[in-house]
Protein backbone atom coordinates (compact mmCIF):
# COMPACT_ATOMS: atom_id res chain seq x y z
CA MET A 1 159.88 113.70 89.69
CA ALA A 2 156.52 113.42 91.44
CA GLU A 3 155.24 111.22 88.61
CA SER A 4 158.31 109.05 88.85
CA SER A 5 157.73 108.64 92.59
CA SER A 6 154.13 107.83 91.94
CA ASN A 7 155.03 105.16 89.41
CA GLY A 8 157.57 103.62 91.70
CA SER A 9 154.77 102.38 93.84
CA SER A 10 156.54 99.17 94.72
CA SER A 11 158.51 101.08 97.36
CA SER A 12 155.35 102.30 99.08
CA PRO A 13 154.22 100.26 102.10
CA VAL A 14 150.60 100.82 101.05
CA THR A 15 151.05 98.86 97.82
CA ARG A 16 152.22 95.82 99.81
CA ILE A 17 148.87 95.58 101.58
CA PRO A 18 146.69 92.85 100.00
CA LEU A 19 144.03 94.29 97.68
CA ASP A 20 141.13 92.79 99.65
CA HIS A 21 142.44 94.53 102.79
CA LEU A 22 142.80 97.83 100.91
CA PHE A 23 139.25 97.39 99.65
CA SER A 24 137.97 97.09 103.22
CA ILE A 25 140.02 100.10 104.34
CA LEU A 26 138.64 102.29 101.53
CA LEU A 27 135.09 101.49 102.57
CA LEU A 28 135.85 103.05 105.96
CA LEU A 29 136.85 106.37 104.36
CA PRO A 30 134.74 109.36 103.33
CA ILE A 31 134.30 109.98 99.60
CA GLU A 32 136.89 112.79 99.50
CA SER A 33 139.55 110.45 100.90
CA ILE A 34 138.71 107.69 98.41
CA LEU A 35 139.10 110.16 95.54
CA SER A 36 142.42 111.42 96.97
CA PHE A 37 143.63 107.83 97.38
CA SER A 38 142.94 107.16 93.70
CA MET A 39 145.42 109.88 92.69
CA THR A 40 148.43 108.36 94.47
CA CYS A 41 149.51 105.87 91.78
CA ARG A 42 148.19 103.88 88.83
CA LYS A 43 147.85 100.63 90.75
CA LEU A 44 145.80 102.17 93.52
CA ARG A 45 143.79 104.24 91.05
CA SER A 46 142.49 101.08 89.36
CA LEU A 47 141.26 99.80 92.73
CA ALA A 48 139.78 103.12 93.88
CA ASP A 49 137.95 103.56 90.55
CA SER A 50 136.74 99.98 90.27
CA ASP A 51 133.04 99.30 89.77
CA SER A 52 132.98 96.74 92.58
CA LEU A 53 134.32 99.30 95.07
CA TRP A 54 131.79 101.96 94.07
CA GLU A 55 128.92 99.48 94.19
CA SER A 56 130.00 98.78 97.77
CA VAL A 57 130.22 102.52 98.47
CA CYS A 58 126.66 102.96 97.17
CA ARG A 59 125.54 100.08 99.35
CA ARG A 60 127.30 101.63 102.35
CA ASP A 61 125.80 105.10 101.87
CA TRP A 62 122.33 104.20 100.53
CA GLY A 63 121.61 100.78 101.98
CA SER A 64 121.25 97.42 100.22
CA ALA A 65 117.62 97.75 99.08
CA PRO A 66 118.17 100.67 96.63
CA VAL A 67 121.30 99.03 95.17
CA GLU A 68 119.56 95.69 94.59
CA ALA A 69 116.54 97.43 93.06
CA LEU A 70 118.75 99.46 90.69
CA LYS A 71 120.86 96.54 89.46
CA PRO A 72 118.50 95.22 86.72
CA SER A 73 118.06 98.63 85.03
CA ASN A 74 121.32 100.40 85.85
CA GLY A 75 123.40 100.96 82.72
CA LEU A 76 125.87 103.28 84.43
CA PRO A 77 129.15 102.58 86.22
CA TRP A 78 128.46 102.83 89.95
CA LYS A 79 130.90 105.73 90.39
CA LYS A 80 129.10 107.80 87.75
CA LEU A 81 125.74 106.86 89.24
CA TYR A 82 126.93 108.00 92.66
CA GLN A 83 128.06 111.30 91.17
CA GLN A 84 124.76 111.87 89.33
CA VAL A 85 122.74 111.20 92.45
CA TYR A 86 124.53 113.89 94.44
CA GLU A 87 124.57 116.38 91.56
CA LEU A 88 120.85 115.97 90.90
CA ASP A 89 119.43 119.23 89.51
CA SER A 90 116.33 118.10 87.60
CA VAL A 91 113.60 115.47 87.51
CA LEU A 92 111.58 114.18 84.56
CA CYS A 93 107.79 113.89 84.95
CA HIS A 94 105.61 111.54 82.87
CA ARG A 95 101.80 111.51 82.90
CA LEU A 96 100.43 108.00 83.43
CA LEU A 97 97.31 107.26 81.42
CA ALA A 98 94.63 104.87 82.66
CA GLU A 99 94.36 101.69 80.61
CA GLY A 100 91.01 100.11 79.75
CA GLY A 101 89.11 97.84 82.07
CA GLU A 102 87.61 99.28 85.23
CA GLY A 103 88.74 102.83 84.53
CA ALA A 104 90.55 104.74 87.25
CA PRO A 105 89.98 106.21 90.71
CA THR A 106 87.75 109.30 90.71
CA PRO A 107 89.39 112.69 91.47
CA ARG A 108 90.19 113.08 95.17
CA ALA A 109 92.51 114.54 97.80
CA SER A 110 93.78 113.60 101.28
CA HIS A 111 93.83 109.94 100.25
CA SER A 112 96.69 107.45 100.68
CA LEU A 113 98.97 106.04 97.97
CA ASN A 114 101.45 103.24 98.69
CA LEU A 115 103.63 100.85 96.71
CA VAL A 116 103.53 97.35 98.19
CA SER A 117 103.99 93.85 96.72
CA GLY A 118 104.61 95.35 93.28
CA CYS A 119 101.30 97.27 93.33
CA LEU A 120 100.26 100.87 93.72
CA VAL A 121 97.44 100.90 96.28
CA LEU A 122 95.11 103.86 96.72
CA PHE A 123 92.51 104.20 99.48
CA GLY A 124 89.84 106.72 100.46
CA GLY A 125 90.10 110.50 100.35
CA GLY A 126 87.71 113.41 100.00
CA CYS A 127 86.04 114.47 96.77
CA THR A 128 83.60 117.00 95.34
CA GLY A 129 80.44 117.58 97.33
CA GLY A 130 82.20 116.86 100.64
CA ARG A 131 81.94 113.09 100.20
CA HIS A 132 84.51 110.81 101.78
CA LEU A 133 85.41 107.70 99.83
CA ASP A 134 85.83 104.12 101.04
CA ASP A 135 87.15 102.52 97.84
CA THR A 136 90.46 100.72 97.42
CA TRP A 137 92.20 100.65 94.01
CA ALA A 138 95.34 98.78 92.92
CA ALA A 139 97.54 98.90 89.82
CA TYR A 140 100.26 96.32 89.25
CA THR A 141 103.66 97.83 88.36
CA GLY A 142 106.08 94.96 88.97
CA ASN A 143 109.58 96.00 87.95
CA ASP A 144 108.42 97.97 84.90
CA LEU A 145 108.54 101.47 86.31
CA ARG A 146 109.37 103.24 83.04
CA ARG A 147 105.77 102.98 81.95
CA SER A 148 103.25 105.31 80.29
CA SER A 149 100.04 103.88 81.70
CA LEU A 150 98.45 102.14 84.69
CA LYS A 151 95.75 99.49 84.70
CA TRP A 152 93.72 100.27 87.81
CA GLN A 153 91.56 97.59 89.40
CA LYS A 154 88.91 98.31 92.03
CA MET A 155 89.30 95.98 94.99
CA LYS A 156 86.25 94.32 96.52
CA SER A 157 87.47 94.78 100.08
CA GLY A 158 84.42 96.66 101.42
CA ILE A 159 86.15 98.07 104.49
CA PRO A 160 87.45 100.30 106.18
CA SER A 161 84.75 102.98 106.25
CA GLY A 162 85.01 106.12 104.11
CA ARG A 163 87.46 108.74 105.36
CA PHE A 164 90.04 111.34 104.39
CA GLY A 165 93.16 112.63 106.14
CA HIS A 166 94.03 109.14 107.37
CA SER A 167 97.54 107.65 107.29
CA CYS A 168 98.53 104.46 105.52
CA VAL A 169 102.06 103.11 105.98
CA VAL A 170 103.93 100.14 104.50
CA VAL A 171 105.35 97.95 107.25
CA ASP A 172 107.14 94.93 105.81
CA ASP A 173 104.67 93.77 103.11
CA LEU A 174 101.58 95.06 104.89
CA LEU A 175 99.61 98.30 104.91
CA ILE A 176 98.82 99.83 108.31
CA LEU A 177 95.95 102.35 108.16
CA PHE A 178 95.13 104.64 111.07
CA GLY A 179 92.60 107.37 111.86
CA GLY A 180 91.09 109.90 109.47
CA ILE A 181 87.87 111.94 109.29
CA ASN A 182 84.52 110.58 108.06
CA ASP A 183 81.52 112.17 106.30
CA GLN A 184 80.13 113.52 109.56
CA GLY A 185 83.48 115.14 110.48
CA VAL A 186 84.09 112.52 113.17
CA ARG A 187 87.76 111.78 113.88
CA GLN A 188 88.67 108.09 113.86
CA THR A 189 91.06 106.13 116.06
CA ASP A 190 90.82 102.66 114.50
CA THR A 191 93.83 100.73 113.14
CA TRP A 192 93.59 98.41 110.12
CA ILE A 193 95.93 95.96 108.40
CA GLY A 194 95.74 95.56 104.61
CA GLN A 195 97.36 92.73 102.69
CA MET A 196 97.90 92.46 98.93
CA THR A 197 98.14 89.16 97.11
CA VAL A 198 99.32 88.96 93.51
CA ASP A 199 99.34 85.68 91.58
CA SER A 200 98.91 84.60 87.97
CA ARG A 201 95.67 82.70 88.63
CA HIS A 202 93.63 85.14 90.71
CA GLY A 203 95.32 88.41 89.77
CA ILE A 204 95.33 91.08 92.51
CA THR A 205 93.32 90.57 95.68
CA MET A 206 93.16 92.80 98.73
CA SER A 207 91.93 92.20 102.25
CA TRP A 208 91.53 94.55 105.23
CA ARG A 209 91.08 93.53 108.86
CA LEU A 210 90.71 95.54 112.04
CA LEU A 211 93.80 95.26 114.23
CA ASP A 212 93.34 94.41 117.89
CA VAL A 213 95.26 97.08 119.83
CA GLY A 214 93.77 96.51 123.27
CA LEU A 215 92.40 99.36 125.39
CA VAL A 216 95.08 101.99 124.67
CA SER A 217 95.21 103.94 121.41
CA PRO A 218 95.95 107.52 120.34
CA PRO A 219 93.11 110.06 120.65
CA PRO A 220 90.96 110.34 117.50
CA ARG A 221 92.52 112.44 114.73
CA GLY A 222 92.91 113.20 111.04
CA ALA A 223 95.43 115.10 108.90
CA HIS A 224 98.22 113.63 111.05
CA ALA A 225 101.57 112.27 109.86
CA ALA A 226 102.83 108.69 110.08
CA CYS A 227 105.64 106.46 108.81
CA CYS A 228 107.29 103.10 109.39
CA ILE A 229 110.05 103.25 112.00
CA GLY A 230 112.01 100.05 112.04
CA PHE A 231 110.87 96.45 112.37
CA GLN A 232 107.06 96.06 112.61
CA SER A 233 106.61 99.56 114.05
CA MET A 234 104.83 102.75 113.00
CA LEU A 235 105.19 106.33 114.29
CA VAL A 236 102.24 108.78 114.37
CA HIS A 237 102.48 112.49 115.18
CA GLY A 238 100.06 115.42 115.48
CA GLY A 239 96.97 115.99 113.37
CA ILE A 240 93.57 117.56 114.02
CA GLY A 241 91.81 116.13 117.04
CA LEU A 242 88.42 116.67 118.63
CA SER A 243 86.91 120.17 118.32
CA GLY A 244 89.42 120.99 115.56
CA ARG A 245 92.35 121.28 117.98
CA ARG A 246 95.77 120.56 116.50
CA LEU A 247 97.85 117.99 118.38
CA ASP A 248 101.54 117.67 119.23
CA ASP A 249 101.65 114.13 120.65
CA ALA A 250 103.63 111.20 119.23
CA TRP A 251 102.76 107.50 119.42
CA ILE A 252 104.47 104.28 118.32
CA LEU A 253 102.50 101.20 117.26
CA ARG A 254 104.42 97.94 117.74
CA LEU A 255 103.00 94.88 115.98
CA SER A 256 103.19 91.41 117.46
CA GLU A 257 105.37 88.85 115.69
CA ASP A 258 102.32 87.04 114.31
CA LEU A 259 100.76 90.39 113.23
CA CYS A 260 97.51 89.52 115.00
CA CYS A 261 97.62 92.45 117.41
CA GLY A 262 99.51 95.62 118.22
CA THR A 263 100.37 97.88 121.13
CA TRP A 264 100.25 101.69 121.10
CA THR A 265 102.73 103.59 123.31
CA GLU A 266 102.83 107.36 123.71
CA ILE A 267 106.25 108.98 123.43
CA VAL A 268 106.58 111.39 126.35
CA ALA A 269 109.46 113.84 126.06
CA ALA A 270 111.50 114.83 129.09
CA PRO A 271 110.56 118.25 130.51
CA ALA A 272 113.62 120.03 129.10
CA GLN A 273 113.66 118.20 125.78
CA PRO A 274 112.46 120.19 122.74
CA CYS A 275 109.88 118.63 120.43
CA PRO A 276 107.77 119.73 117.43
CA SER A 277 104.83 122.05 118.09
CA SER A 278 101.18 121.17 117.40
CA ARG A 279 100.45 120.83 113.68
CA SER A 280 98.54 119.08 110.90
CA GLY A 281 99.19 118.38 107.22
CA HIS A 282 102.90 117.75 107.87
CA THR A 283 105.04 114.77 106.86
CA LEU A 284 107.03 112.04 108.60
CA THR A 285 109.57 110.17 106.47
CA HIS A 286 111.49 107.08 107.56
CA ILE A 287 115.18 107.51 106.63
CA GLY A 288 116.58 104.19 107.81
CA GLY A 289 117.22 102.39 111.06
CA ARG A 290 114.99 103.89 113.75
CA GLN A 291 115.14 107.45 112.46
CA THR A 292 112.54 109.66 110.79
CA ILE A 293 112.31 113.27 109.59
CA LEU A 294 109.35 115.60 110.29
CA PHE A 295 108.79 118.62 108.03
CA GLY A 296 106.31 121.50 107.75
CA GLY A 297 102.56 121.52 108.35
CA ARG A 298 100.01 124.02 109.68
CA GLY A 299 100.27 125.21 113.29
CA ASN A 300 97.66 126.11 115.89
CA GLY A 301 97.55 129.72 114.68
CA PHE A 302 96.98 128.50 111.10
CA GLU A 303 100.55 129.54 110.27
CA VAL A 304 102.35 127.31 107.75
CA LEU A 305 105.66 125.92 109.01
CA ASN A 306 109.04 125.03 107.51
CA ASP A 307 110.88 123.51 110.48
CA VAL A 308 112.73 120.20 110.24
CA TRP A 309 113.00 117.67 113.09
CA LEU A 310 114.82 114.37 113.49
CA PHE A 311 113.16 111.69 115.63
CA ASP A 312 115.56 108.97 116.79
CA ALA A 313 114.23 105.83 118.45
CA SER A 314 117.49 103.87 118.26
CA ASP A 315 117.46 103.70 122.05
CA GLU A 316 114.00 102.32 122.81
CA HIS A 317 114.07 103.81 126.31
CA ARG A 318 115.38 107.22 125.25
CA GLU A 319 113.58 108.35 122.10
CA ARG A 320 114.38 111.96 121.31
CA TRP A 321 113.50 114.84 118.97
CA THR A 322 116.23 117.12 117.60
CA GLN A 323 115.52 120.21 115.51
CA LEU A 324 117.71 120.54 112.40
CA VAL A 325 118.07 124.30 112.15
CA PHE A 326 118.77 126.06 108.86
CA GLU A 327 118.90 129.68 107.76
CA THR A 328 116.28 130.60 105.16
CA ARG A 329 118.50 133.37 103.81
CA ASN A 330 121.03 130.73 102.74
CA VAL A 331 118.39 128.82 100.74
CA PRO A 332 117.78 129.96 97.12
CA GLN A 333 114.10 131.01 96.94
CA GLY A 334 113.88 129.88 100.57
CA LEU A 335 110.84 132.02 101.29
CA SER A 336 108.77 129.46 99.38
CA LEU A 337 109.74 126.59 101.72
CA PRO A 338 106.89 126.77 104.31
CA ARG A 339 104.12 124.38 103.24
CA VAL A 340 101.30 122.10 104.29
CA GLY A 341 99.73 119.21 102.40
CA HIS A 342 102.99 118.39 100.61
CA SER A 343 104.71 115.03 100.17
CA ALA A 344 108.19 114.11 101.44
CA SER A 345 109.70 110.89 100.07
CA LEU A 346 113.04 109.21 100.74
CA ILE A 347 114.86 109.01 97.40
CA ILE A 348 118.10 107.43 96.28
CA GLY A 349 121.06 108.87 98.15
CA ARG A 350 119.18 108.99 101.48
CA ARG A 351 117.69 112.41 100.80
CA LEU A 352 114.13 113.69 100.92
CA LEU A 353 112.27 114.90 97.83
CA ILE A 354 109.64 117.47 98.84
CA TYR A 355 106.86 118.12 96.31
CA GLY A 356 103.85 120.42 96.17
CA GLY A 357 101.73 121.56 99.09
CA GLU A 358 100.31 125.02 99.80
CA ASP A 359 101.31 128.14 101.75
CA SER A 360 99.51 130.31 104.31
CA TYR A 361 97.45 131.92 101.55
CA ARG A 362 96.46 128.50 100.13
CA HIS A 363 98.58 129.09 97.04
CA ARG A 364 99.34 125.63 95.73
CA LYS A 365 102.85 124.67 94.65
CA ASP A 366 104.37 122.64 91.83
CA ASP A 367 108.01 122.81 92.94
CA PHE A 368 110.45 120.05 93.89
CA TRP A 369 113.02 120.46 96.67
CA VAL A 370 115.76 118.11 97.87
CA LEU A 371 116.42 118.07 101.61
CA ASP A 372 119.93 116.65 101.99
CA ILE A 373 120.29 114.91 105.32
CA SER A 374 123.08 112.54 104.26
CA SER A 375 125.93 114.77 105.49
CA MET A 376 124.60 115.16 109.03
CA PRO A 377 126.45 112.93 111.52
CA CYS A 378 123.33 112.32 113.60
CA VAL A 379 121.53 110.94 110.55
CA ARG A 380 124.18 109.23 108.50
CA MET A 381 125.55 106.89 111.14
CA GLN A 382 122.18 105.21 111.82
CA ARG A 383 123.10 104.75 115.48
CA PRO A 384 122.52 106.88 118.57
CA THR A 385 124.50 110.10 118.14
CA ILE A 386 124.11 113.21 120.25
CA LEU A 387 123.61 116.32 118.11
CA LYS A 388 123.99 119.73 119.71
CA GLN A 389 120.71 121.63 119.76
CA ASN A 390 120.56 124.78 117.64
CA ARG A 391 123.42 123.75 115.38
CA VAL A 392 122.82 125.50 112.04
CA PHE A 393 123.08 123.55 108.77
CA ARG A 394 123.70 125.77 105.75
CA ARG A 395 123.54 123.30 102.86
CA MET A 396 120.39 121.33 103.59
CA TRP A 397 118.14 122.52 100.76
CA LYS A 398 118.33 122.52 96.97
CA ARG A 399 115.57 123.29 94.48
CA VAL A 400 115.48 121.03 91.40
CA GLU A 401 113.94 121.74 88.02
CA SER A 402 111.05 119.64 86.70
CA LYS A 403 110.90 118.66 83.02
CA GLY A 404 108.46 116.76 80.85
CA ASP A 405 104.74 116.56 81.75
CA LYS A 406 104.88 118.99 84.63
CA PRO A 407 102.03 118.30 87.10
CA GLN A 408 99.65 121.12 87.93
CA SER A 409 100.22 122.83 91.29
CA ARG A 410 98.59 120.70 93.98
CA SER A 411 98.32 119.90 97.67
CA PHE A 412 97.08 116.96 99.76
CA HIS A 413 97.97 114.54 96.96
CA GLY A 414 99.20 110.96 97.34
CA ALA A 415 102.86 110.08 96.71
CA CYS A 416 105.20 107.11 97.17
CA VAL A 417 108.56 105.85 95.86
CA ASP A 418 109.78 102.52 94.53
CA ALA A 419 112.34 100.37 96.38
CA SER A 420 115.30 101.98 94.59
CA GLY A 421 114.23 105.52 95.45
CA ARG A 422 114.55 106.52 91.79
CA PHE A 423 110.88 106.72 90.83
CA LEU A 424 108.24 108.82 92.61
CA PHE A 425 104.54 108.18 91.93
CA ILE A 426 102.03 111.01 92.39
CA HIS A 427 98.23 110.82 92.25
CA GLY A 428 95.39 113.30 92.70
CA GLY A 429 95.24 116.13 95.17
CA MET A 430 93.59 119.53 95.46
CA VAL A 431 94.19 121.91 92.56
CA ASP A 432 92.88 125.33 91.62
CA GLY A 433 89.27 125.03 90.43
CA LEU A 434 89.97 125.54 86.75
CA ILE A 435 89.29 121.95 85.83
CA GLN A 436 86.19 119.82 86.33
CA PRO A 437 84.87 118.77 88.69
CA ALA A 438 85.24 121.78 90.99
CA ASP A 439 83.21 122.55 94.09
CA SER A 440 81.60 125.83 95.08
CA SER A 441 84.72 127.04 96.90
CA GLY A 442 86.65 127.12 93.63
CA LEU A 443 88.77 124.11 94.56
CA GLY A 444 89.23 121.17 92.23
CA PHE A 445 90.01 117.54 92.93
CA ASP A 446 92.45 116.01 90.48
CA GLY A 447 92.50 112.40 89.27
CA GLU A 448 95.73 112.31 87.24
CA SER A 449 98.74 110.10 87.93
CA PHE A 450 102.41 110.88 87.29
CA VAL A 451 105.74 109.14 87.66
CA VAL A 452 108.81 111.25 88.39
CA ASP A 453 112.20 109.91 87.23
CA LEU A 454 115.36 111.25 88.86
CA LEU A 455 117.05 111.46 85.44
CA LEU A 456 119.90 109.01 85.99
CA GLN A 457 121.17 108.87 82.41
CA PRO A 458 124.36 107.59 80.71
């Protein structure tokens, strides 16, 4: 009888609504409601299961950039792709060999690695003997991300000066480099703009220029965290300042429209407003709009942290930090979460992929964790939303298995993702001193590159 009622859909007022209107209504519903809607009758099931609807759902939940980047290589129906993304339980790692030519960057750690204008760009870092490097390397990837090798090219840019523990952030199609520590242990406070140019005649060229920021800039620091935060803006937090003191301040750099200069502004929290404690070696990850996530790091007492904070600058005059509290006992193998010198990258599905790092005993890690922020109202809506302090989230974390050419445990490596959020690139870092070269402390500096695929398969 129920089936008969279902088939007699012509009597239902819903079926008399034009399909384009139903399409728009479905896009306002949560996933569970869309799936329930598809079970009402055959006519509505064909709409609720259609590829065009699920492409729009992916665009709604992930943003347009990942969807457009996935289109050329996606062989899956969008509904199945959506399902695979949220059921992710493993990643596939491939070692990237260096092609001939100029070789490859020497082993290093605390360097920067970014993907901009179709190129992987690596700058600086520390290496064996306590030297701090000032070289810039680039490898063109284009849209061919399922590759087995990289052809690195050393850029003749000459500047900035050698340093490690700096930050380098992609803002639009530019690189914004800030701070770091030089050979003499001096903390820097300079800001640089790097621009890549790729053309068939001249190949890859790179230029750096010092950005005019006026008289106000953050205090000198290294081992801080930074990320893009909206249009022509960058957020910086914490790090190691003068005399080795760890910092807890936050600053926003706003670039001028012509990109010729910038203005630094310190974010001062209200007296009663909570904010992250002093730390270094942590991560900031832009998650869309004017929101970013802070995770981990090493505190003033050298303790290694595992707290998670949301920074929301949607209201330019009321920026705020909110701690996203979770219970470690509800996280499988949650005792291994605290870390410093890790990477945290925004992957497809608007989640963070945490990789590597080290704990309080300097034990390096080779594990991958997914931090799922997509179900939190304060994050998902990408508009100012008040979240009650101390609310506990119980399903934030999930550990995923790594397959293939599993990278050696490492910390203070470089990492970045492609525009789709499907591929994560990893290079270098500090490893246990079982490979050459290794310094007298028993630490090694690695020079290998890997690409991590999120295993979206038919």
